[in-house]
Protein backbone atom coordinates (compact mmCIF):
# COMPACT_ATOMS: atom_id res chain seq x y z
CA MET A 1 -147.92 128.21 75.89
CA ARG A 2 -145.36 129.72 78.94
CA PHE A 3 -146.41 133.41 80.33
CA GLY A 4 -143.29 134.99 81.59
CA GLY A 5 -143.36 139.41 81.36
CA LYS A 6 -144.69 141.63 79.37
CA LEU A 7 -143.62 140.82 75.93
CA ASN A 8 -144.39 137.02 75.90
CA LEU A 9 -148.11 138.04 77.33
CA LEU A 10 -148.43 140.50 73.97
CA SER A 11 -147.03 139.00 71.55
CA SER A 12 -149.06 135.54 72.66
CA LEU A 13 -151.82 138.22 72.35
CA ALA A 14 -150.98 139.54 69.16
CA LEU A 15 -150.59 135.91 67.56
CA SER A 16 -154.04 134.85 68.98
CA VAL A 17 -155.52 138.09 67.68
CA LEU A 18 -153.80 137.73 63.95
CA ILE A 19 -155.22 133.22 63.75
CA PHE A 20 -158.57 134.06 64.88
CA ALA A 21 -159.78 137.64 64.28
CA CYS A 22 -162.69 138.00 61.21
CA GLY A 23 -160.32 140.65 59.83
CA THR A 24 -157.94 142.93 61.34
CA ASN A 25 -157.94 145.27 63.96
CA GLU A 26 -160.63 143.90 65.77
CA ASP A 27 -161.87 145.25 69.30
CA ALA A 28 -164.60 145.32 71.21
CA SER A 29 -165.49 146.78 74.40
CA ILE A 30 -164.02 145.63 77.98
CA PRO A 31 -166.24 147.41 80.65
CA GLU A 32 -163.98 146.70 83.43
CA LEU A 33 -161.11 148.74 81.69
CA SER A 34 -161.00 152.56 81.75
CA ASN A 35 -159.87 154.47 78.91
CA THR A 36 -156.78 155.40 80.29
CA GLU A 37 -156.07 151.81 80.52
CA VAL A 38 -157.36 150.84 76.92
CA ALA A 39 -155.11 153.49 75.38
CA SER A 40 -151.90 152.23 77.10
CA VAL A 41 -152.42 148.02 76.25
CA SER A 42 -148.42 148.00 76.15
CA GLU A 43 -148.57 148.79 80.07
CA VAL A 44 -150.47 145.36 81.18
CA THR A 45 -147.93 142.95 81.86
CA THR A 46 -147.67 139.35 83.94
CA GLU A 47 -144.82 140.23 85.86
CA GLY A 48 -144.80 138.49 89.36
CA THR A 49 -147.01 135.78 87.97
CA THR A 50 -145.52 132.25 87.78
CA GLU A 51 -144.54 130.53 85.07
CA ASN A 52 -146.14 127.50 83.76
CA THR A 53 -145.01 124.38 81.68
CA PRO A 54 -148.36 122.69 80.01
CA ASN A 55 -147.92 119.81 82.69
CA GLU A 56 -147.47 122.64 85.22
CA VAL A 57 -151.19 124.17 83.95
CA LEU A 58 -152.53 120.92 83.92
CA GLY A 59 -151.38 119.86 87.09
CA ALA A 60 -153.45 123.34 88.44
CA SER A 61 -156.39 122.18 86.41
CA GLN A 62 -157.06 119.32 88.97
CA GLN A 63 -156.91 121.86 91.78
CA THR A 64 -160.03 124.07 90.41
CA GLU A 65 -163.53 122.74 89.13
CA ALA A 66 -163.38 121.32 86.27
CA ILE A 67 -165.49 123.04 83.50
CA SER A 68 -167.65 121.08 81.29
CA PHE A 69 -167.02 121.55 77.27
CA GLU A 70 -170.49 120.47 76.50
CA LYS A 71 -172.71 121.62 79.00
CA ARG A 72 -170.88 125.14 79.66
CA ILE A 73 -168.25 126.18 76.59
CA LEU A 74 -170.50 124.03 73.37
CA PRO A 75 -173.20 126.78 74.13
CA ILE A 76 -171.10 129.70 74.48
CA ILE A 77 -169.00 128.54 70.92
CA GLU A 78 -172.15 128.16 69.16
CA SER A 79 -174.30 131.14 70.58
CA SER A 80 -171.28 133.65 69.66
CA CYS A 81 -168.62 132.09 67.55
CA ALA A 82 -170.13 129.91 65.14
CA ARG A 83 -171.64 132.39 62.52
CA CYS A 84 -168.52 133.48 61.99
CA HIS A 85 -165.83 130.58 62.20
CA THR A 86 -168.04 127.43 60.85
CA GLY A 87 -168.92 126.90 57.07
CA ASP A 88 -167.55 129.30 54.38
CA ALA A 89 -168.72 131.77 56.69
CA PRO A 90 -166.27 135.23 56.50
CA GLY A 91 -164.11 134.14 59.90
CA THR A 92 -163.20 130.61 58.95
CA THR A 93 -160.03 131.96 56.79
CA HIS A 94 -158.92 133.14 60.21
CA ALA A 95 -159.61 130.40 62.55
CA LEU A 96 -162.13 127.01 61.03
CA LEU A 97 -164.31 126.13 64.40
CA GLU A 98 -165.61 123.16 62.99
CA THR A 99 -165.45 120.33 65.30
CA ALA A 100 -165.29 120.67 69.24
CA SER A 101 -161.60 119.42 68.35
CA ASP A 102 -160.87 122.30 66.64
CA VAL A 103 -162.05 124.48 69.48
CA SER A 104 -159.80 122.71 71.85
CA ALA A 105 -156.65 123.51 69.86
CA TYR A 106 -157.82 126.97 69.25
CA ALA A 107 -158.30 126.62 73.43
CA PHE A 108 -155.70 129.84 73.81
CA ALA A 109 -156.60 131.82 71.28
CA VAL A 110 -160.20 132.03 71.93
CA SER A 111 -159.32 132.49 75.36
CA ALA A 112 -156.90 135.43 74.66
CA VAL A 113 -159.35 137.23 72.58
CA VAL A 114 -162.33 136.90 74.82
CA GLU A 115 -160.29 137.97 77.81
CA ALA A 116 -159.02 140.72 75.99
CA GLY A 117 -162.50 141.79 74.66
CA VAL A 118 -161.44 141.65 71.06
CA MET A 119 -164.36 138.42 70.48
CA PRO A 120 -167.02 138.17 70.13
CA PRO A 121 -167.22 141.64 68.35
CA TRP A 122 -169.65 143.67 70.11
CA PRO A 123 -168.12 147.77 70.73
CA ALA A 124 -171.13 148.85 72.53
CA SER A 125 -170.94 148.33 76.39
CA ASN A 126 -173.41 147.64 78.81
CA LEU A 127 -173.58 151.33 79.87
CA SER A 128 -175.56 151.55 76.67
CA VAL A 129 -179.37 151.01 76.50
CA PRO A 130 -180.22 147.32 75.85
CA PHE A 131 -180.07 146.39 72.17
CA GLU A 132 -181.31 143.67 69.81
CA HIS A 133 -179.36 140.52 68.74
CA ASP A 134 -176.49 141.68 71.52
CA TRP A 135 -173.37 139.49 70.98
CA SER A 136 -171.25 140.37 73.60
CA LEU A 137 -170.26 137.88 76.60
CA SER A 138 -171.23 138.03 80.17
CA GLN A 139 -168.88 138.41 82.52
CA GLN A 140 -169.74 134.42 84.08
CA ASP A 141 -169.40 133.31 80.35
CA ARG A 142 -166.21 134.92 79.73
CA GLU A 143 -164.72 133.74 83.25
CA ALA A 144 -165.78 130.35 81.99
CA VAL A 145 -163.77 130.19 78.71
CA ILE A 146 -160.80 131.66 80.25
CA GLN A 147 -160.62 129.20 83.02
CA TRP A 148 -161.51 126.13 80.37
CA ALA A 149 -158.77 127.60 78.46
CA ARG A 150 -156.03 127.79 81.61
CA SER A 151 -157.02 124.16 82.68
CA GLY A 152 -156.05 122.85 79.37
CA GLY A 153 -158.80 123.25 77.00
CA SER A 154 -159.86 119.91 77.03
CA ILE A 155 -163.43 118.40 76.09
CA ASP A 156 -165.77 115.62 77.35
CA ILE A 157 -167.69 114.94 74.15
CA GLU A 158 -166.34 113.07 70.80
CA PRO A 159 -163.75 115.37 69.22
CA SER A 160 -165.35 114.96 65.72
CA THR A 161 -168.78 116.75 67.28
CA LYS A 162 -169.99 119.27 64.71
CA ILE A 163 -170.45 123.12 65.97
CA ALA A 164 -173.56 124.34 64.51
CA ALA A 165 -174.60 127.79 65.50
CA SER A 166 -177.16 128.25 67.57
CA GLU A 167 -178.72 131.54 65.53
CA GLU A 168 -178.32 131.48 61.97
CA VAL A 169 -177.51 134.65 60.01
CA HIS A 170 -180.87 136.20 59.01
CA HIS A 171 -181.38 136.57 55.24
CA LEU A 172 -184.51 137.93 53.59
CA ALA A 173 -186.88 134.86 52.55
CA ASP A 174 -187.86 137.05 49.73
CA PHE A 175 -186.66 140.09 48.00
CA ASP A 176 -188.01 142.52 45.02
CA GLN A 177 -184.65 143.29 43.58
CA GLU A 178 -180.91 142.15 43.57
CA MET A 179 -178.30 145.00 42.64
CA PHE A 180 -174.86 144.44 42.06
CA PRO A 181 -172.28 147.49 41.55
CA ILE A 182 -171.48 149.13 38.04
CA GLY A 183 -167.71 148.14 37.74
CA ASN A 184 -165.99 145.46 40.20
CA TYR A 185 -162.80 145.80 41.61
CA ASP A 186 -159.54 143.46 42.06
CA GLY A 187 -156.93 143.55 44.46
CA GLU A 188 -154.00 141.77 44.77
CA LYS A 189 -152.70 139.92 47.97
CA GLY A 190 -150.58 141.92 50.35
CA GLN A 191 -152.00 145.50 49.00
CA SER A 192 -152.76 148.28 51.96
CA ASP A 193 -156.26 148.01 52.64
CA GLU A 194 -158.86 149.49 49.95
CA TYR A 195 -161.88 151.55 51.10
CA ARG A 196 -163.97 151.28 47.69
CA CYS A 197 -166.89 153.14 46.94
CA PHE A 198 -169.63 151.55 44.27
CA ILE A 199 -172.64 152.92 42.66
CA TYR A 200 -175.80 150.57 43.34
CA ASP A 201 -178.80 151.74 41.22
CA PRO A 202 -182.34 150.14 42.33
CA GLN A 203 -183.62 152.41 38.76
CA LEU A 204 -186.22 154.13 40.54
CA THR A 205 -189.14 155.90 38.50
CA GLU A 206 -191.14 155.98 41.32
CA ARG A 207 -191.20 156.80 44.69
CA LYS A 208 -190.46 153.73 46.88
CA TYR A 209 -190.26 152.67 50.44
CA LEU A 210 -187.51 150.31 51.27
CA VAL A 211 -188.36 148.03 53.51
CA GLY A 212 -185.60 145.33 53.75
CA TYR A 213 -182.13 145.05 52.42
CA GLU A 214 -179.18 142.57 52.33
CA PHE A 215 -175.62 142.72 51.95
CA ILE A 216 -174.86 140.07 50.10
CA PRO A 217 -170.70 139.55 49.89
CA ASP A 218 -169.20 137.71 47.36
CA GLN A 219 -165.61 136.94 48.04
CA THR A 220 -165.92 136.66 51.42
CA GLU A 221 -162.18 135.99 51.92
CA VAL A 222 -161.76 140.03 51.36
CA VAL A 223 -164.33 141.60 51.97
CA HIS A 224 -164.08 142.86 55.20
CA HIS A 225 -166.65 145.48 55.92
CA LEU A 226 -169.39 147.86 54.59
CA VAL A 227 -171.05 151.15 54.88
CA GLY A 228 -173.60 151.92 52.85
CA TYR A 229 -175.44 155.41 52.04
CA ARG A 230 -178.93 156.59 50.42
CA VAL A 231 -177.76 159.23 47.98
CA PRO A 232 -179.96 161.31 46.05
CA LYS A 233 -180.35 161.64 42.49
CA GLU A 234 -178.61 165.23 42.43
CA LEU A 235 -175.50 163.55 43.03
CA ARG A 236 -175.22 160.63 40.31
CA GLU A 237 -173.44 162.71 37.72
CA SER A 238 -170.63 163.14 40.41
CA ALA A 239 -170.93 159.50 41.13
CA ASP A 240 -170.86 158.65 37.55
CA LEU A 241 -167.35 160.99 37.49
CA LYS A 242 -165.92 159.23 39.69
CA ASN A 243 -166.62 155.41 38.73
CA PHE A 244 -163.98 153.91 36.82
CA SER A 245 -161.47 157.01 37.66
CA ASP A 246 -158.60 154.87 38.47
CA GLY A 247 -158.98 151.81 35.69
CA GLN A 248 -161.49 150.06 38.23
CA GLY A 249 -165.29 149.96 38.98
CA GLY A 250 -165.66 152.01 41.56
CA TRP A 251 -163.43 154.84 43.15
CA SER A 252 -161.13 155.23 46.22
CA CYS A 253 -162.81 156.51 49.24
CA PHE A 254 -162.68 156.52 53.02
CA GLY A 255 -164.88 158.98 55.54
CA GLY A 256 -167.64 158.97 53.16
CA THR A 257 -168.55 158.43 49.45
CA GLY A 258 -166.64 161.54 48.47
CA LEU A 259 -169.58 163.50 46.27
CA GLY A 260 -170.01 166.52 48.53
CA GLY A 261 -173.36 168.02 48.13
CA SER A 262 -174.91 170.11 50.95
CA GLN A 263 -173.73 170.33 54.10
CA ILE A 264 -171.75 167.50 54.94
CA GLY A 265 -172.47 165.53 51.50
CA THR A 266 -173.49 162.16 51.59
CA LEU A 267 -173.08 161.08 55.68
CA ASN A 268 -176.03 162.26 56.96
CA GLN A 269 -177.42 159.68 54.29
CA MET A 270 -175.52 156.72 55.98
CA ILE A 271 -178.30 154.00 56.53
CA THR A 272 -176.23 150.81 56.82
CA LEU A 273 -173.32 149.05 58.81
CA TRP A 274 -172.25 145.31 57.36
CA GLY A 275 -169.55 142.96 59.47
CA PRO A 276 -169.15 139.65 59.29
CA GLY A 277 -171.80 137.68 60.95
CA THR A 278 -174.40 140.63 59.97
CA GLY A 279 -177.72 139.61 58.48
CA ALA A 280 -180.35 141.11 56.81
CA VAL A 281 -182.19 144.44 57.85
CA GLU A 282 -186.07 144.48 58.15
CA TYR A 283 -188.27 147.01 59.18
CA HIS A 284 -191.19 146.15 61.20
CA HIS A 285 -194.43 148.15 62.05
CA GLY A 286 -195.43 149.63 58.76
CA HIS A 287 -192.09 151.39 58.52
CA GLY A 288 -189.51 151.99 55.37
CA LEU A 289 -187.10 154.19 54.52
CA ILE A 290 -187.96 156.86 51.56
CA MET A 291 -186.16 156.81 48.29
CA GLU A 292 -187.28 159.21 45.34
CA PRO A 293 -186.59 158.72 41.33
CA GLY A 294 -183.20 158.91 40.61
CA ASP A 295 -181.80 157.93 43.90
CA PHE A 296 -179.37 155.22 44.23
CA PHE A 297 -177.15 153.26 46.61
CA VAL A 298 -173.33 153.87 47.00
CA MET A 299 -171.42 151.14 49.11
CA GLN A 300 -168.03 151.53 50.88
CA ILE A 301 -166.65 148.43 50.67
CA HIS A 302 -163.75 148.04 52.80
CA TYR A 303 -161.36 145.33 51.21
CA HIS A 304 -158.59 143.72 52.83
CA TYR A 305 -156.47 141.40 50.91
CA ASP A 306 -154.53 139.08 52.80
CA VAL A 307 -155.33 136.21 50.27
CA GLU A 308 -155.49 136.22 46.42
CA ALA A 309 -159.30 136.38 45.61
CA PRO A 310 -161.30 137.40 42.42
CA ALA A 311 -162.70 140.63 41.29
CA ASP A 312 -165.39 141.19 43.68
CA ASN A 313 -169.04 141.38 42.84
CA SER A 314 -170.92 141.64 45.99
CA SER A 315 -174.83 142.34 45.98
CA PHE A 316 -177.33 144.50 47.53
CA ARG A 317 -181.12 142.72 47.85
CA ALA A 318 -183.96 144.93 48.34
CA LYS A 319 -187.42 144.42 49.44
CA TRP A 320 -189.65 147.41 47.99
CA SER A 321 -193.15 148.71 48.66
CA THR A 322 -195.39 151.68 47.19
CA ASP A 323 -197.72 151.88 50.28
CA GLU A 324 -198.04 155.07 51.02
CA SER A 325 -199.13 154.08 54.37
CA ILE A 326 -195.53 153.46 55.67
CA ILE A 327 -194.00 155.60 58.18
CA PRO A 328 -190.67 156.53 56.62
CA VAL A 329 -187.63 156.08 58.72
CA GLU A 330 -185.73 159.18 58.91
CA LEU A 331 -182.27 160.08 59.49
CA ILE A 332 -181.39 162.57 62.71
CA GLN A 333 -177.71 163.90 62.58
CA TYR A 334 -175.51 165.02 65.64
CA PHE A 335 -172.15 166.28 65.63
CA ALA A 336 -168.91 167.47 67.88
CA PRO A 337 -165.61 168.69 66.49
CA ALA A 338 -162.41 166.53 65.84
CA GLU A 339 -159.88 168.81 66.69
CA ILE A 340 -156.31 167.24 67.47
CA PRO A 341 -153.69 169.30 67.74
CA CYS A 342 -150.12 168.02 67.20
CA SER A 343 -148.24 166.81 70.16
CA VAL A 344 -145.38 168.80 71.57
CA THR A 345 -142.93 166.16 70.26
CA GLU A 346 -144.31 166.37 66.88
CA LYS A 347 -143.07 169.37 64.22
CA GLY A 348 -144.06 170.00 60.79
CA PRO A 349 -145.95 172.81 58.72
CA LEU A 350 -149.22 171.08 58.99
CA CYS A 351 -149.31 170.99 62.59
CA ASP A 352 -150.16 174.53 62.27
CA ARG A 353 -154.45 174.75 62.05
CA GLN A 354 -155.10 177.00 58.90
CA ALA A 355 -152.03 175.33 56.91
CA SER A 356 -153.37 171.75 57.54
CA LEU A 357 -157.21 173.41 56.40
CA ASN A 358 -155.89 174.14 53.40
CA ASP A 359 -153.81 171.13 52.72
CA ARG A 360 -157.38 168.95 53.34
CA LEU A 361 -159.43 171.77 50.88
CA ALA A 362 -156.62 171.35 48.47
CA SER A 363 -156.78 167.47 48.32
CA TYR A 364 -160.71 167.90 48.49
CA ASP A 365 -161.19 170.17 45.76
CA GLY A 366 -163.09 172.02 47.87
CA GLU A 367 -165.12 169.85 49.61
CA GLY A 368 -165.10 167.14 51.93
CA VAL A 369 -164.06 169.34 54.59
CA GLN A 370 -166.25 170.27 57.70
CA ALA A 371 -164.42 171.29 61.03
CA ASN A 372 -164.86 175.25 60.27
CA MET A 373 -168.67 174.09 59.85
CA ILE A 374 -169.39 171.58 62.87
CA LEU A 375 -167.24 174.32 65.27
CA ASP A 376 -169.58 177.24 64.53
CA LEU A 377 -172.47 174.45 64.63
CA CYS A 378 -170.88 173.69 68.50
CA GLY A 379 -170.50 177.19 69.50
CA TYR A 380 -166.40 176.33 69.63
CA SER A 381 -163.24 178.36 68.58
CA PRO A 382 -159.64 176.63 67.31
CA ASP A 383 -158.60 178.11 70.74
CA ASP A 384 -160.52 175.95 72.73
CA PHE A 385 -158.88 172.96 71.44
CA SER A 386 -155.24 174.26 71.44
CA HIS A 387 -154.13 173.22 74.75
CA MET A 388 -154.88 169.37 73.60
CA THR A 389 -151.40 168.88 73.07
CA GLY A 390 -150.15 165.48 75.10
CA GLY A 391 -151.34 163.36 72.00
CA TYR A 392 -154.78 162.89 73.16
CA ALA A 393 -157.58 165.14 72.51
CA SER A 394 -161.31 165.08 72.90
CA SER A 395 -164.42 166.79 72.79
CA THR A 396 -168.46 167.24 73.28
CA CYS A 397 -171.31 168.85 71.81
CA ASP A 398 -174.71 169.26 72.99
CA GLN A 399 -177.91 169.78 70.27
CA ARG A 400 -181.24 169.41 70.61
CA ALA A 401 -183.10 166.73 69.37
CA SER A 402 -185.36 168.53 66.88
CA PHE A 403 -187.11 164.91 66.45
CA SER A 404 -190.10 164.07 67.86
CA GLY A 405 -191.12 160.16 67.56
CA MET A 406 -189.27 156.24 68.16
CA ILE A 407 -185.66 155.60 68.01
CA VAL A 408 -185.25 152.61 65.84
CA SER A 409 -181.81 152.66 65.78
CA VAL A 410 -178.48 154.51 66.71
CA LEU A 411 -174.78 154.54 65.09
CA GLY A 412 -171.91 156.81 65.87
CA HIS A 413 -168.67 157.43 63.67
CA GLN A 414 -165.44 157.94 64.19
CA HIS A 415 -162.36 157.40 62.26
CA GLY A 416 -159.25 155.38 62.81
CA THR A 417 -157.85 157.57 65.85
CA GLY A 418 -161.18 156.91 67.77
CA THR A 419 -160.54 155.81 71.22
CA THR A 420 -164.17 155.97 72.51
CA PHE A 421 -167.56 157.17 71.52
CA ARG A 422 -170.91 158.04 73.81
CA MET A 423 -174.25 159.40 72.49
CA THR A 424 -176.40 160.16 75.66
CA LEU A 425 -180.04 161.74 75.65
CA ASN A 426 -181.02 164.50 77.81
CA PRO A 427 -177.90 163.79 80.25
CA ASP A 428 -177.28 165.26 83.35
CA THR A 429 -180.95 165.26 84.38
CA PRO A 430 -183.11 162.50 86.22
CA GLU A 431 -184.05 161.59 82.59
CA GLU A 432 -180.23 160.93 81.29
CA ARG A 433 -179.94 157.30 78.99
CA ILE A 434 -177.09 156.85 77.22
CA LEU A 435 -178.07 155.40 74.21
CA LEU A 436 -174.58 154.02 72.88
CA ASP A 437 -171.32 154.20 75.04
CA ILE A 438 -168.41 152.64 72.98
CA PRO A 439 -165.49 152.58 75.36
CA ARG A 440 -162.81 151.05 72.60
CA TRP A 441 -163.39 152.55 69.60
CA ASP A 442 -162.68 150.35 66.31
CA PHE A 443 -163.47 151.44 63.13
CA GLU A 444 -163.70 148.17 61.98
CA TRP A 445 -166.33 147.08 64.13
CA GLN A 446 -169.09 149.73 62.92
CA PHE A 447 -173.13 148.86 63.56
CA ASN A 448 -176.59 149.79 63.62
CA TYR A 449 -177.99 149.34 67.52
CA ASP A 450 -181.18 148.53 67.70
CA PRO A 451 -182.95 149.65 70.95
CA ILE A 452 -185.17 146.66 72.91
CA GLU A 453 -187.31 149.25 74.27
CA GLU A 454 -189.45 152.09 72.78
CA ILE A 455 -187.58 155.60 73.78
CA ILE A 456 -189.21 158.91 72.37
CA ILE A 457 -187.49 161.71 72.01
CA LYS A 458 -189.05 164.91 71.66
CA PRO A 459 -187.81 168.31 69.74
CA SER A 460 -186.54 170.19 73.26
CA ASP A 461 -184.52 167.01 74.21
CA THR A 462 -180.68 167.21 74.24
CA ILE A 463 -178.71 164.70 72.73
CA ARG A 464 -174.80 164.86 73.69
CA LEU A 465 -172.02 163.51 71.45
CA GLU A 466 -168.53 162.99 73.42
CA CYS A 467 -165.34 161.83 71.57
CA THR A 468 -161.88 160.80 72.43
CA TRP A 469 -158.64 160.50 70.00
CA ASP A 470 -155.18 159.12 70.39
CA ARG A 471 -152.72 160.44 67.70
CA SER A 472 -150.26 157.32 68.45
CA LEU A 473 -152.81 155.39 66.52
CA ARG A 474 -152.12 157.26 63.48
CA PRO A 475 -149.58 155.55 60.77
CA LEU A 476 -145.73 155.60 62.11
CA ASP A 477 -144.96 157.30 58.97
CA ALA A 478 -147.75 159.73 58.51
CA GLU A 479 -146.57 163.12 58.67
CA PRO A 480 -147.08 165.40 61.65
CA ARG A 481 -150.34 167.33 61.06
CA TYR A 482 -153.20 169.00 62.86
CA VAL A 483 -156.09 166.51 62.57
CA LEU A 484 -159.45 168.10 61.50
CA TRP A 485 -162.86 167.08 60.53
CA ALA A 486 -163.02 166.04 57.07
CA ASP A 487 -163.36 162.23 55.29
CA GLY A 488 -160.41 161.52 54.54
CA SER A 489 -158.28 158.06 56.24
CA ASP A 490 -155.61 160.78 58.04
CA ASP A 491 -159.14 162.96 59.02
CA GLU A 492 -161.03 161.90 62.10
CA MET A 493 -164.95 162.58 62.53
CA CYS A 494 -167.47 162.86 65.56
CA PHE A 495 -170.96 162.00 64.47
CA GLY A 496 -174.27 160.05 65.70
CA ILE A 497 -177.53 159.41 63.65
CA ILE A 498 -180.49 158.27 64.97
CA MET A 499 -183.12 156.75 62.63
CA GLY A 500 -186.57 157.11 64.01
CA THR A 501 -190.01 157.27 63.05
CA ARG A 502 -191.94 160.37 63.81
CA THR A 503 -195.09 160.54 65.93
């Protein structure tokens, strides 16, 4: 592979990502890059570097210390790549790494996505508190992979040596119920990405506690990601009306379930996020999510149809308890405005904020548009964002924690134009803790993050949310509009959830 200037590097990296990624548009954090640098990938250049032929690269490798594939690279592959890229795991449709020779053949692609921070997918940076099941690579491991690939990607073991994941995906050893969607969806190869909401009904007749659960993707070639919601029984009629509304099971959705309800609909009931390589969730120490009679789940599944696949029938397994001594896991949500004016180079009627707001309200039958509510919550007005006409926007909001207890997990949420996310406990004080820092936001890689240590919060504590956006990430054919806090794919959000148990 020849490295010349800007175009060669970017083209090669793009090819590597397409070949290697578990899906599309995957990004993870590259801590050493600033947000400005991340937003300007096109500025990356290799001008001034030496162009190498394969023989010259091999010659260069002889001048550096040889890296043993068996002792140095194989453990990294088996701990960080094999779960997605061996067997029938979701990433195998893009890159199958069954043997040592497969890894060697993909050496350049592996190196490119590792160097770019695209793989393995772990958006949280090391500014965050330490988390369980951290997939990220250390700087030393990244450098080893890059140097190994640049020196030729050779292997010092039998080429047919099988690659085995050092940590298997965790599955529920036993479960009480397996739910299937009320209706299936069957897409077609080549269609645009589909975000589809489905009803999963546990048919509860008494209060129960969800103490463990696992999403089981059916058509793994096209099931890309999932966001799961706990939905109160009051919204069941609305869900039934949407189901099959276009002739297929479920309904199109994006930012939320589209079911409305009080305040911000069901966003404050987002309980789980799934992506390739994610396994079961089990609450420990006698914790569980409370579910009342008639409550149900809505699963938003992201389908990516780059291959043909039958209708999907993914399931959701649940482990229940009726023990009233279970300590409920509560969901506490925090918000910041999403106000993203048109840039000075954009013109159109929807660049007027009120016109854009009216258009969104009309599109969503008066629901699913939370922009003004969140401005009021955070003490802002639209004028506070009117100067952000350079194509970039940002917001921040401090709120009382309003909760006393221990943090179980944290998550953040934005849409497609988001670039950074941060949630901080007690900012600008000696007790400051960055609960979650994502320096390169990617909608496709959203996770629940479980802190390793016990972090206690008090009602008087402060939670700060900070988000940034880049308008250039909107679709090229999108009509210019003032982007607001709302449910749709062309809208934006900035919110975080802390799952915790009261003390």
